[in-house]
Amino acid sequence: MNKALNGKKILIFGGSGFIGSHLVKNLCTHSCQIEVVTRKLNFKSSLFLGNEPGQIKYKHIKDFRQESIDKMVSGSDVVINLIGILYEKKKSTFDFIHSKIPMMIAKACKKKKIRYFLHMSALNINKIKDSKYALSKMEGEKLAKEYFKDTTVVRPGVVFGKGDNFINFFYNLSKFSPVLPLIGTPEIVKEKKFISKIDFTKRVKFQPIYVGDLVNFIIIKCLSKSNTFELAGPTICSFDEIFDIILNSKKRKRFYFPVPFFMATCLAFVLEMLPTPLLTRDQIKLLKKDNISNQGLQTLRKEIKNPTSIESVIDTYI
């Protein structure tokens, strides 16, 4: 428990989402006032309850304009931004959600003399140069620090836990599909116009972090200033190893089908036309860089002594 949070007013943008819901739930064990910014009128989440009556308040924001955000942050001790999207829509672009909103929150924090601002970004976005998601996240970090120099940035890897859209996506897929896709396998290497190598051992690597560990780290570090923390979980695993964990949990058997990146890109072109895209070409670009970080695990272990693995909790939420 972070006793320094006692009596603090904490404002959370994105507090009604997957990570935000877990953060609010864990914050309820502290003696602090929690305010969740939401665009939904009369929003009441079923995912968390306050420890004391009135501990959680909801603040409705009609749209994200500078004047509206200034009003939201006024009077807060800590501001946390968790807003993010995995794919674009006409009214929700990567540029606006990942770059402009963090900039406006940072401006508001400076204007209203907020002491602490924590902004959540993503792991390894600084190493990916062709993804709109990654580029917009990096721009968001840059603008946040430019307008509020004491901004603390947290960069987690893929996050798993109750309500996630990673493990649950493949679990739901395994309910009806006899095959699961090994995206990025095999690796096809081209030299000039010819294929020089096909490597079937190549796997996309992840180092997933448990949502409970992530939000506890955020709670510990939300009163820090001018830091950037990469975070990753205790286990490096590939798609097939993740599938094994899911299927073993449910005692299922499925075939794994190799889908090289060029084929996955073609598939994504079709799937991203759906109202809720199952896969996008931009996500394929992200998958070409392993989502792992040795430093991220070391950083997590400094505050979370025994980080949680997928195997140890998967039975509790799928």
Protein backbone atom coordinates (compact mmCIF):
# COMPACT_ATOMS: atom_id res chain seq x y z
CA MET A 1 0.00 0.00 0.00
CA ASN A 2 1.24 3.46 -0.96
CA LYS A 3 0.47 5.51 2.19
CA ALA A 4 1.59 8.65 0.37
CA LEU A 5 -1.70 8.44 -1.58
CA ASN A 6 -3.79 8.94 1.56
CA GLY A 7 -6.03 11.94 1.10
CA LYS A 8 -5.02 12.45 -2.54
CA LYS A 9 -7.49 13.13 -5.35
CA ILE A 10 -6.61 10.94 -8.34
CA LEU A 11 -8.10 11.66 -11.76
CA ILE A 12 -8.00 8.86 -14.35
CA PHE A 13 -8.55 9.26 -18.08
CA GLY A 14 -9.41 5.82 -19.48
CA GLY A 15 -10.45 4.52 -16.08
CA SER A 16 -13.40 2.56 -17.45
CA GLY A 17 -11.31 0.35 -19.76
CA PHE A 18 -9.55 -2.96 -19.13
CA ILE A 19 -6.44 -1.62 -17.37
CA GLY A 20 -8.30 1.35 -15.91
CA SER A 21 -10.90 -0.86 -14.22
CA HIS A 22 -8.20 -2.91 -12.51
CA LEU A 23 -6.36 0.26 -11.49
CA VAL A 24 -9.49 1.74 -9.93
CA LYS A 25 -10.22 -1.51 -8.11
CA ASN A 26 -6.72 -1.60 -6.58
CA LEU A 27 -6.78 2.11 -5.75
CA CYS A 28 -9.94 1.50 -3.72
CA THR A 29 -7.79 -0.18 -1.04
CA HIS A 30 -6.10 3.18 -0.45
CA SER A 31 -7.54 6.16 1.38
CA CYS A 32 -7.80 8.33 -1.70
CA GLN A 33 -10.52 9.96 -3.77
CA ILE A 34 -10.85 8.49 -7.29
CA GLU A 35 -12.38 10.34 -10.22
CA VAL A 36 -12.97 8.55 -13.53
CA VAL A 37 -13.34 10.62 -16.69
CA THR A 38 -15.83 9.09 -19.12
CA ARG A 39 -17.70 10.15 -22.24
CA LYS A 40 -20.66 7.94 -21.29
CA LEU A 41 -23.57 9.68 -19.58
CA ASN A 42 -24.56 8.20 -16.19
CA PHE A 43 -21.78 5.61 -16.49
CA LYS A 44 -21.53 3.05 -13.68
CA SER A 45 -19.00 0.27 -14.04
CA SER A 46 -19.80 -3.25 -12.84
CA LEU A 47 -16.08 -4.09 -12.75
CA PHE A 48 -15.22 -2.24 -9.56
CA LEU A 49 -16.75 -0.86 -6.37
CA GLY A 50 -15.48 1.75 -3.95
CA ASN A 51 -14.07 0.74 -0.60
CA GLU A 52 -16.07 3.54 1.00
CA PRO A 53 -19.29 5.25 -0.13
CA GLY A 54 -18.44 8.07 -2.49
CA GLN A 55 -14.81 7.02 -2.99
CA ILE A 56 -15.31 6.79 -6.76
CA LYS A 57 -16.85 9.63 -8.76
CA TYR A 58 -17.52 9.80 -12.48
CA LYS A 59 -16.88 12.97 -14.44
CA HIS A 60 -18.60 13.22 -17.80
CA ILE A 61 -16.66 14.79 -20.65
CA LYS A 62 -18.60 15.47 -23.84
CA ASP A 63 -15.56 15.76 -26.07
CA PHE A 64 -11.82 16.12 -25.67
CA ARG A 65 -11.17 19.83 -26.06
CA GLN A 66 -8.58 21.81 -24.15
CA GLU A 67 -11.20 23.74 -22.17
CA SER A 68 -12.98 20.53 -21.15
CA ILE A 69 -9.76 18.84 -20.05
CA ASP A 70 -8.64 21.93 -18.10
CA LYS A 71 -11.89 21.73 -16.17
CA MET A 72 -11.49 17.99 -15.55
CA VAL A 73 -8.01 18.14 -14.01
CA SER A 74 -8.63 21.18 -11.82
CA GLY A 75 -8.20 20.34 -8.13
CA SER A 76 -6.52 16.96 -8.71
CA ASP A 77 -3.31 15.85 -7.00
CA VAL A 78 -2.51 13.07 -9.48
CA VAL A 79 -3.58 12.73 -13.11
CA ILE A 80 -3.23 9.38 -14.92
CA ASN A 81 -3.81 8.89 -18.65
CA LEU A 82 -4.59 5.36 -19.84
CA ILE A 83 -6.45 6.24 -23.04
CA GLY A 84 -5.45 4.19 -26.05
CA ILE A 85 -6.84 2.38 -29.10
CA LEU A 86 -5.67 -0.64 -31.12
CA TYR A 87 -7.17 0.44 -34.43
CA GLU A 88 -8.44 3.66 -35.98
CA LYS A 89 -11.96 4.81 -36.73
CA LYS A 90 -13.10 7.93 -38.56
CA LYS A 91 -13.55 9.87 -35.33
CA SER A 92 -10.79 8.13 -33.36
CA THR A 93 -7.43 8.38 -35.06
CA PHE A 94 -4.08 7.33 -33.60
CA ASP A 95 -2.88 10.91 -33.93
CA PHE A 96 -5.74 12.37 -31.89
CA ILE A 97 -6.00 9.63 -29.24
CA HIS A 98 -2.30 8.91 -28.71
CA SER A 99 -0.73 12.30 -29.45
CA LYS A 100 -3.21 15.17 -29.14
CA ILE A 101 -5.01 14.00 -25.99
CA PRO A 102 -1.79 13.45 -23.96
CA MET A 103 -0.63 16.90 -25.12
CA MET A 104 -3.87 18.53 -23.95
CA ILE A 105 -3.76 16.72 -20.61
CA ALA A 106 -0.14 17.79 -20.12
CA LYS A 107 -1.04 21.40 -20.94
CA ALA A 108 -3.91 21.25 -18.47
CA CYS A 109 -1.66 19.80 -15.76
CA LYS A 110 0.79 22.65 -16.20
CA LYS A 111 -1.94 25.30 -16.31
CA LYS A 112 -3.71 23.96 -13.21
CA LYS A 113 -0.43 23.33 -11.35
CA ILE A 114 -0.95 19.58 -10.97
CA ARG A 115 2.00 17.96 -9.19
CA TYR A 116 1.95 14.49 -10.76
CA PHE A 117 1.05 13.28 -14.25
CA LEU A 118 1.54 9.62 -15.29
CA HIS A 119 1.04 8.71 -18.94
CA MET A 120 0.80 5.11 -20.17
CA SER A 121 2.50 4.34 -23.47
CA ALA A 122 3.68 0.98 -24.89
CA LEU A 123 6.78 -1.19 -24.95
CA ASN A 124 9.36 -0.87 -27.75
CA ILE A 125 7.48 1.81 -29.71
CA ASN A 126 10.79 3.69 -29.91
CA LYS A 127 12.17 0.82 -32.02
CA ILE A 128 9.36 0.66 -34.59
CA LYS A 129 9.48 3.24 -37.37
CA ASP A 130 6.73 2.18 -39.81
CA SER A 131 3.68 1.76 -37.57
CA LYS A 132 1.17 4.58 -37.15
CA TYR A 133 0.33 3.20 -33.70
CA ALA A 134 3.96 3.30 -32.55
CA LEU A 135 4.72 6.67 -34.12
CA SER A 136 1.64 8.26 -32.54
CA LYS A 137 2.53 6.80 -29.14
CA MET A 138 6.06 8.20 -29.38
CA GLU A 139 4.70 11.59 -30.40
CA GLY A 140 2.34 11.47 -27.41
CA GLU A 141 5.25 10.86 -25.04
CA LYS A 142 7.23 13.69 -26.63
CA LEU A 143 4.38 16.19 -26.42
CA ALA A 144 3.45 15.22 -22.87
CA LYS A 145 7.02 15.81 -21.69
CA GLU A 146 7.29 19.00 -23.72
CA TYR A 147 4.27 20.61 -22.08
CA PHE A 148 4.67 19.03 -18.61
CA LYS A 149 8.33 18.31 -17.98
CA ASP A 150 7.65 16.19 -14.87
CA THR A 151 5.59 13.62 -16.81
CA THR A 152 6.22 9.99 -15.84
CA VAL A 153 5.80 7.49 -18.70
CA VAL A 154 5.05 3.79 -18.26
CA ARG A 155 5.66 1.48 -21.24
CA PRO A 156 4.17 -1.98 -20.61
CA GLY A 157 4.35 -4.95 -22.94
CA VAL A 158 1.27 -6.97 -23.88
CA VAL A 159 -1.05 -6.97 -20.85
CA PHE A 160 -3.07 -10.02 -19.79
CA GLY A 161 -5.68 -10.58 -17.11
CA LYS A 162 -9.43 -10.62 -16.56
CA GLY A 163 -11.07 -8.64 -19.35
CA ASP A 164 -8.02 -8.52 -21.66
CA ASN A 165 -8.33 -8.57 -25.45
CA PHE A 166 -5.23 -10.70 -26.04
CA ILE A 167 -5.58 -14.06 -24.26
CA ASN A 168 -9.36 -13.83 -24.47
CA PHE A 169 -9.25 -13.24 -28.23
CA PHE A 170 -7.41 -16.50 -28.91
CA TYR A 171 -9.45 -18.34 -26.28
CA ASN A 172 -12.69 -17.29 -28.00
CA LEU A 173 -11.20 -18.15 -31.40
CA SER A 174 -10.34 -21.63 -30.14
CA LYS A 175 -13.98 -22.24 -29.23
CA PHE A 176 -15.06 -22.53 -32.85
CA SER A 177 -11.95 -22.63 -35.03
CA PRO A 178 -10.08 -25.91 -35.57
CA VAL A 179 -6.90 -23.93 -36.38
CA LEU A 180 -5.02 -21.09 -34.69
CA PRO A 181 -2.71 -18.77 -36.68
CA LEU A 182 1.03 -18.66 -36.08
CA ILE A 183 1.51 -15.12 -37.42
CA GLY A 184 5.06 -14.41 -38.56
CA THR A 185 5.97 -18.06 -39.14
CA PRO A 186 7.78 -19.00 -41.27
CA GLU A 187 10.22 -16.14 -41.74
CA ILE A 188 10.83 -15.62 -45.44
CA VAL A 189 14.07 -13.83 -46.25
CA LYS A 190 14.48 -12.27 -49.69
CA GLU A 191 17.68 -11.13 -51.35
CA LYS A 192 17.03 -8.97 -54.40
CA LYS A 193 14.17 -10.75 -56.17
CA PHE A 194 14.80 -14.23 -54.88
CA ILE A 195 13.88 -16.09 -51.69
CA SER A 196 17.10 -17.07 -50.00
CA LYS A 197 15.80 -18.63 -46.80
CA ILE A 198 12.58 -19.94 -45.26
CA ASP A 199 12.89 -20.36 -41.49
CA PHE A 200 10.07 -22.38 -39.88
CA THR A 201 11.64 -22.00 -36.43
CA LYS A 202 11.10 -18.24 -36.40
CA ARG A 203 8.53 -17.09 -33.81
CA VAL A 204 7.14 -13.71 -32.77
CA LYS A 205 8.11 -13.24 -29.11
CA PHE A 206 6.08 -11.66 -26.30
CA GLN A 207 6.82 -10.97 -22.65
CA PRO A 208 3.28 -10.45 -21.28
CA ILE A 209 2.74 -8.54 -18.05
CA TYR A 210 -0.13 -9.30 -15.65
CA VAL A 211 -2.60 -6.45 -15.28
CA GLY A 212 -2.47 -6.70 -11.48
CA ASP A 213 1.31 -6.25 -11.51
CA LEU A 214 1.02 -3.33 -13.94
CA VAL A 215 -1.56 -1.39 -11.93
CA ASN A 216 0.30 -1.98 -8.67
CA PHE A 217 3.44 -0.60 -10.31
CA ILE A 218 1.44 2.43 -11.49
CA ILE A 219 0.13 2.99 -7.96
CA ILE A 220 3.68 2.86 -6.58
CA LYS A 221 5.09 5.21 -9.23
CA CYS A 222 2.24 7.68 -9.75
CA LEU A 223 3.90 10.11 -7.33
CA SER A 224 7.22 10.05 -9.19
CA LYS A 225 8.40 12.69 -11.63
CA SER A 226 10.25 12.79 -14.94
CA ASN A 227 10.73 9.03 -15.35
CA THR A 228 10.23 6.52 -18.14
CA PHE A 229 9.67 2.90 -17.10
CA GLU A 230 9.67 -0.06 -19.50
CA LEU A 231 7.77 -3.03 -18.07
CA ALA A 232 7.62 -6.70 -19.08
CA GLY A 233 6.53 -9.92 -17.41
CA PRO A 234 8.54 -12.93 -16.18
CA THR A 235 8.08 -15.21 -19.21
CA ILE A 236 9.06 -14.84 -22.86
CA CYS A 237 6.70 -16.83 -25.06
CA SER A 238 5.61 -17.20 -28.68
CA PHE A 239 2.17 -17.56 -30.23
CA ASP A 240 2.30 -21.37 -30.14
CA GLU A 241 3.40 -21.38 -26.48
CA ILE A 242 0.55 -19.03 -25.60
CA PHE A 243 -1.87 -21.26 -27.51
CA ASP A 244 -0.53 -24.27 -25.59
CA ILE A 245 -1.30 -22.55 -22.28
CA ILE A 246 -4.84 -21.66 -23.37
CA LEU A 247 -5.64 -25.09 -24.82
CA ASN A 248 -4.12 -27.03 -21.94
CA SER A 249 -6.22 -24.96 -19.55
CA LYS A 250 -9.38 -26.06 -21.37
CA LYS A 251 -8.12 -29.51 -22.39
CA ARG A 252 -8.56 -28.75 -26.08
CA LYS A 253 -6.54 -29.64 -29.15
CA ARG A 254 -6.20 -27.41 -32.21
CA PHE A 255 -3.98 -27.25 -35.28
CA TYR A 256 -1.49 -24.40 -35.58
CA PHE A 257 -1.35 -22.90 -39.05
CA PRO A 258 1.76 -20.93 -40.15
CA VAL A 259 0.90 -17.47 -41.51
CA PRO A 260 3.97 -15.58 -42.79
CA PHE A 261 3.87 -11.80 -42.55
CA PHE A 262 3.09 -11.20 -46.23
CA MET A 263 0.06 -13.51 -45.98
CA ALA A 264 -0.99 -11.96 -42.65
CA THR A 265 -0.84 -8.50 -44.25
CA CYS A 266 -3.18 -9.61 -47.05
CA LEU A 267 -5.55 -11.15 -44.50
CA ALA A 268 -5.45 -8.00 -42.37
CA PHE A 269 -6.38 -5.88 -45.41
CA VAL A 270 -9.71 -7.73 -45.48
CA LEU A 271 -10.27 -8.04 -41.72
CA GLU A 272 -9.69 -4.35 -41.01
CA MET A 273 -12.79 -3.54 -43.07
CA LEU A 274 -14.99 -5.11 -40.38
CA PRO A 275 -16.80 -2.75 -37.94
CA THR A 276 -14.51 -4.16 -35.23
CA PRO A 277 -11.29 -5.20 -37.02
CA LEU A 278 -9.91 -8.56 -35.93
CA LEU A 279 -6.49 -7.69 -37.36
CA THR A 280 -5.00 -4.66 -39.12
CA ARG A 281 -1.97 -4.08 -41.33
CA ASP A 282 -0.59 -1.69 -38.74
CA GLN A 283 -0.74 -4.44 -36.10
CA ILE A 284 1.26 -6.70 -38.43
CA LYS A 285 3.97 -4.04 -38.52
CA LEU A 286 4.05 -4.07 -34.70
CA LEU A 287 4.38 -7.86 -34.63
CA LYS A 288 7.55 -7.72 -36.71
CA LYS A 289 9.35 -6.41 -33.60
CA ASP A 290 9.48 -8.78 -30.62
CA ASN A 291 7.55 -7.36 -27.67
CA ILE A 292 10.19 -8.20 -25.06
CA SER A 293 12.52 -6.31 -22.70
CA ASN A 294 15.01 -7.67 -20.18
CA GLN A 295 15.25 -4.21 -18.64
CA GLY A 296 11.46 -4.13 -18.41
CA LEU A 297 11.42 -7.26 -16.26
CA GLN A 298 14.22 -5.93 -14.04
CA THR A 299 12.31 -2.68 -13.55
CA LEU A 300 9.12 -4.54 -12.64
CA ARG A 301 10.91 -6.78 -10.15
CA LYS A 302 12.27 -3.79 -8.25
CA GLU A 303 8.71 -3.08 -7.10
CA ILE A 304 6.81 -6.34 -7.71
CA LYS A 305 8.86 -9.11 -6.13
CA ASN A 306 7.11 -12.09 -7.71
CA PRO A 307 5.63 -11.08 -11.08
CA THR A 308 2.70 -13.20 -12.23
CA SER A 309 2.91 -15.56 -15.20
CA ILE A 310 0.06 -16.43 -17.58
CA GLU A 311 0.04 -20.07 -16.44
CA SER A 312 -0.56 -19.17 -12.81
CA VAL A 313 -3.76 -17.15 -13.38
CA ILE A 314 -5.26 -18.20 -16.71
CA ASP A 315 -7.73 -20.60 -15.08
CA THR A 316 -9.20 -17.71 -13.08
CA TYR A 317 -10.50 -15.72 -16.04
CA ILE A 318 -11.11 -17.84 -19.15
